[in-house]
PDB file of N, CA and C in Angstrom:
ATOM      1  N   UNK A   1     -99.065-121.504   3.251  1.00  0.00           N
ATOM      2  CA  UNK A   1    -100.047-120.450   3.359  1.00  0.00           C
ATOM      3  C   UNK A   1     -99.390-119.157   2.905  1.00  0.00           C
ATOM      4  N   UNK A   2    -100.019-118.470   1.982  1.00  0.00           N
ATOM      5  CA  UNK A   2     -99.550-117.165   1.540  1.00  0.00           C
ATOM      6  C   UNK A   2    -100.444-116.108   2.166  1.00  0.00           C
ATOM      7  N   UNK A   3     -99.846-115.203   2.907  1.00  0.00           N
ATOM      8  CA  UNK A   3    -100.590-114.119   3.538  1.00  0.00           C
ATOM      9  C   UNK A   3    -100.271-112.847   2.782  1.00  0.00           C
ATOM     10  N   UNK A   4    -101.263-112.332   2.082  1.00  0.00           N
ATOM     11  CA  UNK A   4    -101.105-111.117   1.297  1.00  0.00           C
ATOM     12  C   UNK A   4    -102.237-110.177   1.676  1.00  0.00           C
ATOM     13  N   UNK A   5    -101.912-109.103   2.337  1.00  0.00           N
ATOM     14  CA  UNK A   5    -102.934-108.165   2.808  1.00  0.00           C
ATOM     15  C   UNK A   5    -103.784-107.630   1.662  1.00  0.00           C
ATOM     16  N   UNK A   6    -103.224-107.564   0.455  1.00  0.00           N
ATOM     17  CA  UNK A   6    -103.987-107.078  -0.694  1.00  0.00           C
ATOM     18  C   UNK A   6    -105.098-108.036  -1.102  1.00  0.00           C
ATOM     19  N   UNK A   7    -105.053-109.268  -0.598  1.00  0.00           N
ATOM     20  CA  UNK A   7    -106.079-110.257  -0.907  1.00  0.00           C
ATOM     21  C   UNK A   7    -106.858-110.645   0.347  1.00  0.00           C
ATOM     22  N   UNK A   8    -106.907-109.755   1.320  1.00  0.00           N
ATOM     23  CA  UNK A   8    -107.624-110.015   2.571  1.00  0.00           C
ATOM     24  C   UNK A   8    -108.855-109.120   2.633  1.00  0.00           C
ATOM     25  N   UNK A   9    -110.015-109.719   2.881  1.00  0.00           N
ATOM     26  CA  UNK A   9    -111.262-108.957   2.978  1.00  0.00           C
ATOM     27  C   UNK A   9    -111.260-108.020   4.177  1.00  0.00           C
ATOM     28  N   UNK A  10    -110.368-108.236   5.124  1.00  0.00           N
ATOM     29  CA  UNK A  10    -110.324-107.409   6.334  1.00  0.00           C
ATOM     30  C   UNK A  10    -109.362-106.227   6.192  1.00  0.00           C
ATOM     31  N   UNK A  11    -108.713-106.101   5.027  1.00  0.00           N
ATOM     32  CA  UNK A  11    -107.763-105.009   4.816  1.00  0.00           C
ATOM     33  C   UNK A  11    -108.466-103.667   4.997  1.00  0.00           C
ATOM     34  N   UNK A  12    -107.771-102.745   5.645  1.00  0.00           N
ATOM     35  CA  UNK A  12    -108.258-101.386   5.904  1.00  0.00           C
ATOM     36  C   UNK A  12    -109.462-101.366   6.841  1.00  0.00           C
ATOM     37  N   UNK A  13    -109.560-102.367   7.719  1.00  0.00           N
ATOM     38  CA  UNK A  13    -110.585-102.377   8.762  1.00  0.00           C
ATOM     39  C   UNK A  13    -109.872-102.364  10.110  1.00  0.00           C
ATOM     40  N   UNK A  14    -110.645-102.328  11.175  1.00  0.00           N
ATOM     41  CA  UNK A  14    -110.045-102.345  12.514  1.00  0.00           C
ATOM     42  C   UNK A  14    -109.295-103.649  12.784  1.00  0.00           C
ATOM     43  N   UNK A  15    -109.597-104.708  12.034  1.00  0.00           N
ATOM     44  CA  UNK A  15    -108.895-105.984  12.214  1.00  0.00           C
ATOM     45  C   UNK A  15    -107.408-105.854  11.889  1.00  0.00           C
ATOM     46  N   UNK A  16    -107.046-104.925  11.013  1.00  0.00           N
ATOM     47  CA  UNK A  16    -105.632-104.725  10.652  1.00  0.00           C
ATOM     48  C   UNK A  16    -104.814-104.186  11.824  1.00  0.00           C
ATOM     49  N   UNK A  17    -105.461-103.471  12.724  1.00  0.00           N
ATOM     50  CA  UNK A  17    -104.739-102.808  13.808  1.00  0.00           C
ATOM     51  C   UNK A  17    -103.948-103.766  14.684  1.00  0.00           C
ATOM     52  N   UNK A  18    -104.474-104.979  14.900  1.00  0.00           N
ATOM     53  CA  UNK A  18    -103.735-105.935  15.723  1.00  0.00           C
ATOM     54  C   UNK A  18    -103.556-107.279  15.031  1.00  0.00           C
ATOM     55  N   UNK A  19    -103.577-107.264  13.704  1.00  0.00           N
ATOM     56  CA  UNK A  19    -103.314-108.485  12.941  1.00  0.00           C
ATOM     57  C   UNK A  19    -101.875-108.928  13.213  1.00  0.00           C
ATOM     58  N   UNK A  20    -101.674-110.209  13.408  1.00  0.00           N
ATOM     59  CA  UNK A  20    -100.342-110.717  13.736  1.00  0.00           C
ATOM     60  C   UNK A  20     -99.332-110.387  12.639  1.00  0.00           C
ATOM     61  N   UNK A  21     -99.749-110.361  11.399  1.00  0.00           N
ATOM     62  CA  UNK A  21     -98.830-110.014  10.312  1.00  0.00           C
ATOM     63  C   UNK A  21     -98.386-108.567  10.454  1.00  0.00           C
ATOM     64  N   UNK A  22     -99.341-107.677  10.684  1.00  0.00           N
ATOM     65  CA  UNK A  22     -99.001-106.260  10.855  1.00  0.00           C
ATOM     66  C   UNK A  22     -98.144-106.041  12.089  1.00  0.00           C
ATOM     67  N   UNK A  23     -98.484-106.708  13.167  1.00  0.00           N
ATOM     68  CA  UNK A  23     -97.768-106.531  14.429  1.00  0.00           C
ATOM     69  C   UNK A  23     -96.330-107.027  14.320  1.00  0.00           C
ATOM     70  N   UNK A  24     -96.131-108.202  13.757  1.00  0.00           N
ATOM     71  CA  UNK A  24     -94.795-108.806  13.726  1.00  0.00           C
ATOM     72  C   UNK A  24     -93.936-108.357  12.552  1.00  0.00           C
ATOM     73  N   UNK A  25     -94.535-108.150  11.411  1.00  0.00           N
ATOM     74  CA  UNK A  25     -93.727-107.994  10.212  1.00  0.00           C
ATOM     75  C   UNK A  25     -93.826-106.638   9.530  1.00  0.00           C
ATOM     76  N   UNK A  26     -94.992-106.072   9.484  1.00  0.00           N
ATOM     77  CA  UNK A  26     -95.236-104.791   8.831  1.00  0.00           C
ATOM     78  C   UNK A  26     -94.568-104.711   7.462  1.00  0.00           C
ATOM     79  N   UNK A  27     -94.791-105.737   6.663  1.00  0.00           N
ATOM     80  CA  UNK A  27     -94.269-105.775   5.296  1.00  0.00           C
ATOM     81  C   UNK A  27     -95.344-106.315   4.372  1.00  0.00           C
ATOM     82  N   UNK A  28     -94.994-106.562   3.130  1.00  0.00           N
ATOM     83  CA  UNK A  28     -95.920-107.086   2.139  1.00  0.00           C
ATOM     84  C   UNK A  28     -96.292-108.533   2.397  1.00  0.00           C
ATOM     85  N   UNK A  29     -96.659-109.257   1.348  1.00  0.00           N
ATOM     86  CA  UNK A  29     -97.100-110.647   1.503  1.00  0.00           C
ATOM     87  C   UNK A  29     -96.067-111.507   2.227  1.00  0.00           C
ATOM     88  N   UNK A  30     -96.576-112.438   3.016  1.00  0.00           N
ATOM     89  CA  UNK A  30     -95.733-113.335   3.800  1.00  0.00           C
ATOM     90  C   UNK A  30     -96.176-114.754   3.512  1.00  0.00           C
ATOM     91  N   UNK A  31     -95.235-115.641   3.241  1.00  0.00           N
ATOM     92  CA  UNK A  31     -95.571-117.039   3.039  1.00  0.00           C
ATOM     93  C   UNK A  31     -95.070-117.833   4.235  1.00  0.00           C
ATOM     94  N   UNK A  32     -95.987-118.581   4.860  1.00  0.00           N
ATOM     95  CA  UNK A  32     -95.665-119.379   6.039  1.00  0.00           C
ATOM     96  C   UNK A  32     -95.814-120.854   5.712  1.00  0.00           C
ATOM     97  N   UNK A  33     -94.898-121.676   6.231  1.00  0.00           N
ATOM     98  CA  UNK A  33     -95.067-123.112   6.070  1.00  0.00           C
ATOM     99  C   UNK A  33     -95.984-123.622   7.184  1.00  0.00           C
ATOM    100  N   UNK A  34     -96.345-124.894   7.130  1.00  0.00           N
ATOM    101  CA  UNK A  34     -97.297-125.454   8.095  1.00  0.00           C
ATOM    102  C   UNK A  34     -96.804-125.340   9.533  1.00  0.00           C
ATOM    103  N   UNK A  35     -95.502-125.531   9.755  1.00  0.00           N
ATOM    104  CA  UNK A  35     -94.956-125.422  11.110  1.00  0.00           C
ATOM    105  C   UNK A  35     -95.078-124.000  11.645  1.00  0.00           C
ATOM    106  N   UNK A  36     -94.850-123.020  10.787  1.00  0.00           N
ATOM    107  CA  UNK A  36     -94.965-121.622  11.205  1.00  0.00           C
ATOM    108  C   UNK A  36     -96.415-121.248  11.502  1.00  0.00           C
ATOM    109  N   UNK A  37     -97.342-121.762  10.690  1.00  0.00           N
ATOM    110  CA  UNK A  37     -98.767-121.522  10.943  1.00  0.00           C
ATOM    111  C   UNK A  37     -99.154-122.117  12.296  1.00  0.00           C
ATOM    112  N   UNK A  38     -98.678-123.333  12.572  1.00  0.00           N
ATOM    113  CA  UNK A  38     -98.969-123.980  13.854  1.00  0.00           C
ATOM    114  C   UNK A  38     -98.360-123.193  15.010  1.00  0.00           C
ATOM    115  N   UNK A  39     -97.139-122.701  14.823  1.00  0.00           N
ATOM    116  CA  UNK A  39     -96.482-121.919  15.877  1.00  0.00           C
ATOM    117  C   UNK A  39     -97.261-120.644  16.174  1.00  0.00           C
ATOM    118  N   UNK A  40     -97.715-119.947  15.135  1.00  0.00           N
ATOM    119  CA  UNK A  40     -98.520-118.744  15.358  1.00  0.00           C
ATOM    120  C   UNK A  40     -99.823-119.081  16.065  1.00  0.00           C
ATOM    121  N   UNK A  41    -100.409-120.222  15.724  1.00  0.00           N
ATOM    122  CA  UNK A  41    -101.620-120.666  16.413  1.00  0.00           C
ATOM    123  C   UNK A  41    -101.362-120.913  17.888  1.00  0.00           C
ATOM    124  N   UNK A  42    -100.238-121.539  18.203  1.00  0.00           N
ATOM    125  CA  UNK A  42     -99.881-121.784  19.605  1.00  0.00           C
ATOM    126  C   UNK A  42     -99.637-120.480  20.355  1.00  0.00           C
ATOM    127  N   UNK A  43     -98.949-119.541  19.720  1.00  0.00           N
ATOM    128  CA  UNK A  43     -98.720-118.238  20.359  1.00  0.00           C
ATOM    129  C   UNK A  43    -100.041-117.513  20.598  1.00  0.00           C
ATOM    130  N   UNK A  44    -100.945-117.605  19.641  1.00  0.00           N
ATOM    131  CA  UNK A  44    -102.251-116.960  19.802  1.00  0.00           C
ATOM    132  C   UNK A  44    -103.060-117.636  20.905  1.00  0.00           C
ATOM    133  N   UNK A  45    -102.981-118.963  20.991  1.00  0.00           N
ATOM    134  CA  UNK A  45    -103.708-119.695  22.036  1.00  0.00           C
ATOM    135  C   UNK A  45    -103.300-119.258  23.432  1.00  0.00           C
ATOM    136  N   UNK A  46    -102.050-118.855  23.592  1.00  0.00           N
ATOM    137  CA  UNK A  46    -101.565-118.433  24.908  1.00  0.00           C
ATOM    138  C   UNK A  46    -101.664-116.923  25.111  1.00  0.00           C
ATOM    139  N   UNK A  47    -102.158-116.219  24.088  1.00  0.00           N
ATOM    140  CA  UNK A  47    -102.345-114.780  24.222  1.00  0.00           C
ATOM    141  C   UNK A  47    -101.106-113.946  23.947  1.00  0.00           C
ATOM    142  N   UNK A  48    -100.054-114.564  23.412  1.00  0.00           N
ATOM    143  CA  UNK A  48     -98.817-113.823  23.152  1.00  0.00           C
ATOM    144  C   UNK A  48     -98.881-112.977  21.884  1.00  0.00           C
ATOM    145  N   UNK A  49     -99.671-113.398  20.921  1.00  0.00           N
ATOM    146  CA  UNK A  49     -99.906-112.612  19.701  1.00  0.00           C
ATOM    147  C   UNK A  49    -101.391-112.700  19.380  1.00  0.00           C
ATOM    148  N   UNK A  50    -101.914-111.720  18.647  1.00  0.00           N
ATOM    149  CA  UNK A  50    -103.321-111.815  18.245  1.00  0.00           C
ATOM    150  C   UNK A  50    -103.503-112.910  17.195  1.00  0.00           C
ATOM    151  N   UNK A  51    -104.712-113.426  17.075  1.00  0.00           N
ATOM    152  CA  UNK A  51    -105.028-114.431  16.068  1.00  0.00           C
ATOM    153  C   UNK A  51    -104.881-113.842  14.677  1.00  0.00           C
ATOM    154  N   UNK A  52    -104.499-114.665  13.736  1.00  0.00           N
ATOM    155  CA  UNK A  52    -104.453-114.263  12.337  1.00  0.00           C
ATOM    156  C   UNK A  52    -105.876-113.955  11.889  1.00  0.00           C
ATOM    157  N   UNK A  53    -106.071-112.803  11.319  1.00  0.00           N
ATOM    158  CA  UNK A  53    -107.413-112.379  10.905  1.00  0.00           C
ATOM    159  C   UNK A  53    -107.572-112.376   9.392  1.00  0.00           C
ATOM    160  N   UNK A  54    -106.698-113.069   8.706  1.00  0.00           N
ATOM    161  CA  UNK A  54    -106.752-113.131   7.254  1.00  0.00           C
ATOM    162  C   UNK A  54    -108.073-113.731   6.801  1.00  0.00           C
ATOM    163  N   UNK A  55    -108.747-113.043   5.908  1.00  0.00           N
ATOM    164  CA  UNK A  55    -109.956-113.542   5.262  1.00  0.00           C
ATOM    165  C   UNK A  55    -109.700-113.418   3.759  1.00  0.00           C
ATOM    166  N   UNK A  56    -109.211-114.493   3.118  1.00  0.00           N
ATOM    167  CA  UNK A  56    -108.857-114.401   1.701  1.00  0.00           C
ATOM    168  C   UNK A  56    -110.051-113.989   0.841  1.00  0.00           C
ATOM    169  N   UNK A  57    -109.799-113.112  -0.119  1.00  0.00           N
ATOM    170  CA  UNK A  57    -110.852-112.685  -1.029  1.00  0.00           C
ATOM    171  C   UNK A  57    -110.921-113.563  -2.263  1.00  0.00           C
ATOM    172  N   UNK A  58    -109.919-114.418  -2.470  1.00  0.00           N
ATOM    173  CA  UNK A  58    -109.950-115.393  -3.558  1.00  0.00           C
ATOM    174  C   UNK A  58    -109.210-116.642  -3.107  1.00  0.00           C
ATOM    175  N   UNK A  59    -109.476-117.750  -3.756  1.00  0.00           N
ATOM    176  CA  UNK A  59    -108.917-119.040  -3.331  1.00  0.00           C
ATOM    177  C   UNK A  59    -107.413-119.121  -3.573  1.00  0.00           C
ATOM    178  N   UNK A  60    -106.866-118.394  -4.525  1.00  0.00           N
ATOM    179  CA  UNK A  60    -105.435-118.458  -4.802  1.00  0.00           C
ATOM    180  C   UNK A  60    -104.613-117.819  -3.705  1.00  0.00           C
ATOM    181  N   UNK A  61    -105.194-116.932  -2.911  1.00  0.00           N
ATOM    182  CA  UNK A  61    -104.449-116.234  -1.865  1.00  0.00           C
ATOM    183  C   UNK A  61    -104.318-117.064  -0.609  1.00  0.00           C
ATOM    184  N   UNK A  62    -105.028-118.171  -0.496  1.00  0.00           N
ATOM    185  CA  UNK A  62    -104.989-118.948   0.747  1.00  0.00           C
ATOM    186  C   UNK A  62    -103.988-120.069   0.702  1.00  0.00           C
TER     187      UNK A  62
END
């Protein structure tokens, strides 16, 4: 999974304020493997981090 805020429909909205990418990394695009995506999902399920709010604007960004 490639997470690139420049290809997210939620960029520059209130969703960015607590996006897990912004909260944890505050950097440019981030590429996560399947295990990392699952780990973030588990952390979000327990309330430790907010859910990923990425909404890709094109299919290549997902």
